[in-house]
Amino acid sequence: MKLLTIDEVCEILRVSKPTGYNLIHSEGFPKIKLGRAWRVEEELLNRWVREKIINEAS
């Protein structure tokens, strides 16, 4: 299991940091809070993106 930082999520999704934080705080986004820091499990992020693609195609 690989936990990603917000910077890594932004880099993978190619979004700005403010957009990344908006995603982190949105309902349904796969995140976990460790202390004061948010982390995203890489495989769950991949699944979330695939679900978004499928829903947009419908």
PDB file of N, CA and C in Angstrom:
ATOM      1  N   MET A   1       0.848  -1.177   0.000  1.00  0.00           N
ATOM      2  CA  MET A   1       0.000   0.000   0.000  1.00  0.00           C
ATOM      3  C   MET A   1       0.888   1.233   0.000  1.00  0.00           C
ATOM      4  N   LYS A   2       0.520   2.176  -0.843  1.00  0.00           N
ATOM      5  CA  LYS A   2       1.271   3.426  -0.909  1.00  0.00           C
ATOM      6  C   LYS A   2       0.327   4.581  -0.606  1.00  0.00           C
ATOM      7  N   LEU A   3       0.682   5.377   0.410  1.00  0.00           N
ATOM      8  CA  LEU A   3      -0.100   6.553   0.759  1.00  0.00           C
ATOM      9  C   LEU A   3       0.535   7.779   0.110  1.00  0.00           C
ATOM     10  N   LEU A   4      -0.291   8.543  -0.583  1.00  0.00           N
ATOM     11  CA  LEU A   4       0.174   9.722  -1.310  1.00  0.00           C
ATOM     12  C   LEU A   4      -0.096  10.987  -0.519  1.00  0.00           C
ATOM     13  N   THR A   5       0.786  11.951  -0.659  1.00  0.00           N
ATOM     14  CA  THR A   5       0.574  13.279  -0.086  1.00  0.00           C
ATOM     15  C   THR A   5      -0.318  14.087  -1.026  1.00  0.00           C
ATOM     16  N   ILE A   6      -0.783  15.224  -0.568  1.00  0.00           N
ATOM     17  CA  ILE A   6      -1.598  16.099  -1.407  1.00  0.00           C
ATOM     18  C   ILE A   6      -0.802  16.566  -2.629  1.00  0.00           C
ATOM     19  N   ASP A   7       0.489  16.819  -2.448  1.00  0.00           N
ATOM     20  CA  ASP A   7       1.323  17.231  -3.586  1.00  0.00           C
ATOM     21  C   ASP A   7       1.404  16.125  -4.632  1.00  0.00           C
ATOM     22  N   GLU A   8       1.548  14.885  -4.184  1.00  0.00           N
ATOM     23  CA  GLU A   8       1.618  13.760  -5.119  1.00  0.00           C
ATOM     24  C   GLU A   8       0.290  13.563  -5.841  1.00  0.00           C
ATOM     25  N   VAL A   9      -0.822  13.706  -5.113  1.00  0.00           N
ATOM     26  CA  VAL A   9      -2.140  13.596  -5.738  1.00  0.00           C
ATOM     27  C   VAL A   9      -2.295  14.671  -6.814  1.00  0.00           C
ATOM     28  N   CYS A  10      -1.913  15.896  -6.492  1.00  0.00           N
ATOM     29  CA  CYS A  10      -2.005  16.999  -7.464  1.00  0.00           C
ATOM     30  C   CYS A  10      -1.152  16.716  -8.698  1.00  0.00           C
ATOM     31  N   GLU A  11       0.023  16.172  -8.483  1.00  0.00           N
ATOM     32  CA  GLU A  11       0.907  15.855  -9.609  1.00  0.00           C
ATOM     33  C   GLU A  11       0.305  14.754 -10.476  1.00  0.00           C
ATOM     34  N   ILE A  12      -0.219  13.705  -9.857  1.00  0.00           N
ATOM     35  CA  ILE A  12      -0.817  12.594 -10.605  1.00  0.00           C
ATOM     36  C   ILE A  12      -2.025  13.065 -11.403  1.00  0.00           C
ATOM     37  N   LEU A  13      -2.889  13.862 -10.772  1.00  0.00           N
ATOM     38  CA  LEU A  13      -4.101  14.324 -11.435  1.00  0.00           C
ATOM     39  C   LEU A  13      -3.871  15.551 -12.309  1.00  0.00           C
ATOM     40  N   ARG A  14      -2.679  16.134 -12.195  1.00  0.00           N
ATOM     41  CA  ARG A  14      -2.324  17.341 -12.951  1.00  0.00           C
ATOM     42  C   ARG A  14      -3.294  18.485 -12.672  1.00  0.00           C
ATOM     43  N   VAL A  15      -3.485  18.727 -11.358  1.00  0.00           N
ATOM     44  CA  VAL A  15      -4.339  19.821 -10.920  1.00  0.00           C
ATOM     45  C   VAL A  15      -3.540  20.717  -9.987  1.00  0.00           C
ATOM     46  N   SER A  16      -4.052  21.934  -9.783  1.00  0.00           N
ATOM     47  CA  SER A  16      -3.396  22.870  -8.871  1.00  0.00           C
ATOM     48  C   SER A  16      -3.603  22.415  -7.428  1.00  0.00           C
ATOM     49  N   LYS A  17      -2.807  22.970  -6.535  1.00  0.00           N
ATOM     50  CA  LYS A  17      -2.930  22.630  -5.124  1.00  0.00           C
ATOM     51  C   LYS A  17      -4.302  23.018  -4.560  1.00  0.00           C
ATOM     52  N   PRO A  18      -4.832  24.214  -4.882  1.00  0.00           N
ATOM     53  CA  PRO A  18      -6.178  24.534  -4.392  1.00  0.00           C
ATOM     54  C   PRO A  18      -7.235  23.527  -4.879  1.00  0.00           C
ATOM     55  N   THR A  19      -7.128  23.103  -6.129  1.00  0.00           N
ATOM     56  CA  THR A  19      -8.056  22.102  -6.653  1.00  0.00           C
ATOM     57  C   THR A  19      -7.881  20.782  -5.917  1.00  0.00           C
ATOM     58  N   GLY A  20      -6.637  20.407  -5.630  1.00  0.00           N
ATOM     59  CA  GLY A  20      -6.360  19.193  -4.870  1.00  0.00           C
ATOM     60  C   GLY A  20      -6.998  19.230  -3.494  1.00  0.00           C
ATOM     61  N   TYR A  21      -6.893  20.365  -2.819  1.00  0.00           N
ATOM     62  CA  TYR A  21      -7.516  20.498  -1.493  1.00  0.00           C
ATOM     63  C   TYR A  21      -9.039  20.469  -1.602  1.00  0.00           C
ATOM     64  N   ASN A  22      -9.604  21.051  -2.649  1.00  0.00           N
ATOM     65  CA  ASN A  22     -11.051  20.964  -2.850  1.00  0.00           C
ATOM     66  C   ASN A  22     -11.482  19.508  -3.023  1.00  0.00           C
ATOM     67  N   LEU A  23     -10.702  18.741  -3.774  1.00  0.00           N
ATOM     68  CA  LEU A  23     -11.009  17.326  -3.951  1.00  0.00           C
ATOM     69  C   LEU A  23     -10.928  16.575  -2.623  1.00  0.00           C
ATOM     70  N   ILE A  24      -9.871  16.826  -1.871  1.00  0.00           N
ATOM     71  CA  ILE A  24      -9.675  16.146  -0.583  1.00  0.00           C
ATOM     72  C   ILE A  24     -10.870  16.374   0.334  1.00  0.00           C
ATOM     73  N   HIS A  25     -11.436  17.555   0.292  1.00  0.00           N
ATOM     74  CA  HIS A  25     -12.541  17.882   1.190  1.00  0.00           C
ATOM     75  C   HIS A  25     -13.911  17.564   0.597  1.00  0.00           C
ATOM     76  N   SER A  26     -13.941  17.029  -0.626  1.00  0.00           N
ATOM     77  CA  SER A  26     -15.222  16.691  -1.230  1.00  0.00           C
ATOM     78  C   SER A  26     -15.689  15.317  -0.758  1.00  0.00           C
ATOM     79  N   GLU A  27     -17.012  15.155  -0.728  1.00  0.00           N
ATOM     80  CA  GLU A  27     -17.599  13.898  -0.299  1.00  0.00           C
ATOM     81  C   GLU A  27     -17.296  12.809  -1.327  1.00  0.00           C
ATOM     82  N   GLY A  28     -16.928  11.642  -0.848  1.00  0.00           N
ATOM     83  CA  GLY A  28     -16.671  10.515  -1.728  1.00  0.00           C
ATOM     84  C   GLY A  28     -15.225  10.375  -2.173  1.00  0.00           C
ATOM     85  N   PHE A  29     -14.400  11.380  -1.897  1.00  0.00           N
ATOM     86  CA  PHE A  29     -12.992  11.283  -2.280  1.00  0.00           C
ATOM     87  C   PHE A  29     -12.282  10.377  -1.276  1.00  0.00           C
ATOM     88  N   PRO A  30     -11.492   9.410  -1.754  1.00  0.00           N
ATOM     89  CA  PRO A  30     -10.860   8.428  -0.864  1.00  0.00           C
ATOM     90  C   PRO A  30      -9.651   9.000  -0.121  1.00  0.00           C
ATOM     91  N   LYS A  31      -9.865   9.416   1.119  1.00  0.00           N
ATOM     92  CA  LYS A  31      -8.778  10.026   1.875  1.00  0.00           C
ATOM     93  C   LYS A  31      -8.796   9.524   3.310  1.00  0.00           C
ATOM     94  N   ILE A  32      -7.659   9.740   3.976  1.00  0.00           N
ATOM     95  CA  ILE A  32      -7.532   9.415   5.385  1.00  0.00           C
ATOM     96  C   ILE A  32      -6.732  10.534   6.039  1.00  0.00           C
ATOM     97  N   LYS A  33      -7.102  10.876   7.255  1.00  0.00           N
ATOM     98  CA  LYS A  33      -6.374  11.921   7.968  1.00  0.00           C
ATOM     99  C   LYS A  33      -5.468  11.252   8.989  1.00  0.00           C
ATOM    100  N   LEU A  34      -4.186  11.523   8.884  1.00  0.00           N
ATOM    101  CA  LEU A  34      -3.189  11.003   9.819  1.00  0.00           C
ATOM    102  C   LEU A  34      -2.613  12.195  10.558  1.00  0.00           C
ATOM    103  N   GLY A  35      -3.045  12.359  11.795  1.00  0.00           N
ATOM    104  CA  GLY A  35      -2.647  13.559  12.524  1.00  0.00           C
ATOM    105  C   GLY A  35      -3.302  14.754  11.879  1.00  0.00           C
ATOM    106  N   ARG A  36      -2.487  15.691  11.424  1.00  0.00           N
ATOM    107  CA  ARG A  36      -3.016  16.883  10.744  1.00  0.00           C
ATOM    108  C   ARG A  36      -2.904  16.789   9.227  1.00  0.00           C
ATOM    109  N   ALA A  37      -2.336  15.693   8.728  1.00  0.00           N
ATOM    110  CA  ALA A  37      -2.072  15.565   7.291  1.00  0.00           C
ATOM    111  C   ALA A  37      -3.061  14.612   6.622  1.00  0.00           C
ATOM    112  N   TRP A  38      -3.484  14.978   5.431  1.00  0.00           N
ATOM    113  CA  TRP A  38      -4.328  14.109   4.612  1.00  0.00           C
ATOM    114  C   TRP A  38      -3.449  13.213   3.756  1.00  0.00           C
ATOM    115  N   ARG A  39      -3.868  11.963   3.606  1.00  0.00           N
ATOM    116  CA  ARG A  39      -3.187  11.019   2.727  1.00  0.00           C
ATOM    117  C   ARG A  39      -4.237  10.310   1.880  1.00  0.00           C
ATOM    118  N   VAL A  40      -3.814   9.855   0.711  1.00  0.00           N
ATOM    119  CA  VAL A  40      -4.700   9.155  -0.211  1.00  0.00           C
ATOM    120  C   VAL A  40      -4.002   7.862  -0.625  1.00  0.00           C
ATOM    121  N   GLU A  41      -4.709   6.744  -0.449  1.00  0.00           N
ATOM    122  CA  GLU A  41      -4.136   5.455  -0.849  1.00  0.00           C
ATOM    123  C   GLU A  41      -4.169   5.386  -2.376  1.00  0.00           C
ATOM    124  N   GLU A  42      -3.047   5.053  -2.957  1.00  0.00           N
ATOM    125  CA  GLU A  42      -2.876   5.135  -4.408  1.00  0.00           C
ATOM    126  C   GLU A  42      -3.914   4.313  -5.185  1.00  0.00           C
ATOM    127  N   GLU A  43      -4.153   3.086  -4.781  1.00  0.00           N
ATOM    128  CA  GLU A  43      -5.106   2.239  -5.501  1.00  0.00           C
ATOM    129  C   GLU A  43      -6.526   2.790  -5.398  1.00  0.00           C
ATOM    130  N   LEU A  44      -6.888   3.333  -4.232  1.00  0.00           N
ATOM    131  CA  LEU A  44      -8.220   3.927  -4.091  1.00  0.00           C
ATOM    132  C   LEU A  44      -8.366   5.168  -4.967  1.00  0.00           C
ATOM    133  N   LEU A  45      -7.296   5.936  -5.113  1.00  0.00           N
ATOM    134  CA  LEU A  45      -7.317   7.085  -6.015  1.00  0.00           C
ATOM    135  C   LEU A  45      -7.539   6.625  -7.452  1.00  0.00           C
ATOM    136  N   ASN A  46      -6.846   5.562  -7.854  1.00  0.00           N
ATOM    137  CA  ASN A  46      -7.015   5.022  -9.206  1.00  0.00           C
ATOM    138  C   ASN A  46      -8.453   4.572  -9.444  1.00  0.00           C
ATOM    139  N   ARG A  47      -9.049   3.889  -8.456  1.00  0.00           N
ATOM    140  CA  ARG A  47     -10.446   3.454  -8.569  1.00  0.00           C
ATOM    141  C   ARG A  47     -11.382   4.650  -8.677  1.00  0.00           C
ATOM    142  N   TRP A  48     -11.138   5.682  -7.870  1.00  0.00           N
ATOM    143  CA  TRP A  48     -11.976   6.879  -7.878  1.00  0.00           C
ATOM    144  C   TRP A  48     -11.942   7.533  -9.266  1.00  0.00           C
ATOM    145  N   VAL A  49     -10.759   7.624  -9.844  1.00  0.00           N
ATOM    146  CA  VAL A  49     -10.616   8.223 -11.175  1.00  0.00           C
ATOM    147  C   VAL A  49     -11.363   7.376 -12.206  1.00  0.00           C
ATOM    148  N   ARG A  50     -11.199   6.044 -12.146  1.00  0.00           N
ATOM    149  CA  ARG A  50     -11.903   5.168 -13.097  1.00  0.00           C
ATOM    150  C   ARG A  50     -13.421   5.333 -12.975  1.00  0.00           C
ATOM    151  N   GLU A  51     -13.934   5.422 -11.745  1.00  0.00           N
ATOM    152  CA  GLU A  51     -15.374   5.616 -11.531  1.00  0.00           C
ATOM    153  C   GLU A  51     -15.840   6.941 -12.125  1.00  0.00           C
ATOM    154  N   LYS A  52     -15.026   7.992 -11.955  1.00  0.00           N
ATOM    155  CA  LYS A  52     -15.370   9.303 -12.530  1.00  0.00           C
ATOM    156  C   LYS A  52     -15.421   9.225 -14.050  1.00  0.00           C
ATOM    157  N   ILE A  53     -14.484   8.518 -14.642  1.00  0.00           N
ATOM    158  CA  ILE A  53     -14.461   8.366 -16.101  1.00  0.00           C
ATOM    159  C   ILE A  53     -15.699   7.619 -16.591  1.00  0.00           C
ATOM    160  N   ILE A  54     -16.046   6.540 -15.896  1.00  0.00           N
ATOM    161  CA  ILE A  54     -17.217   5.753 -16.274  1.00  0.00           C
ATOM    162  C   ILE A  54     -18.492   6.579 -16.134  1.00  0.00           C
ATOM    163  N   ASN A  55     -18.605   7.319 -15.036  1.00  0.00           N
ATOM    164  CA  ASN A  55     -19.807   8.140 -14.811  1.00  0.00           C
ATOM    165  C   ASN A  55     -19.922   9.257 -15.834  1.00  0.00           C
ATOM    166  N   GLU A  56     -18.814   9.833 -16.245  1.00  0.00           N
ATOM    167  CA  GLU A  56     -18.839  10.903 -17.261  1.00  0.00           C
ATOM    168  C   GLU A  56     -19.225  10.356 -18.625  1.00  0.00           C
ATOM    169  N   ALA A  57     -18.843   9.103 -18.894  1.00  0.00           N
ATOM    170  CA  ALA A  57     -19.146   8.499 -20.195  1.00  0.00           C
ATOM    171  C   ALA A  57     -20.609   8.095 -20.306  1.00  0.00           C
ATOM    172  N   SER A  58     -21.269   7.937 -19.182  1.00  0.00           N
ATOM    173  CA  SER A  58     -22.682   7.489 -19.184  1.00  0.00           C
ATOM    174  C   SER A  58     -23.628   8.591 -19.565  1.00  0.00           C
TER     175      SER A  58
END
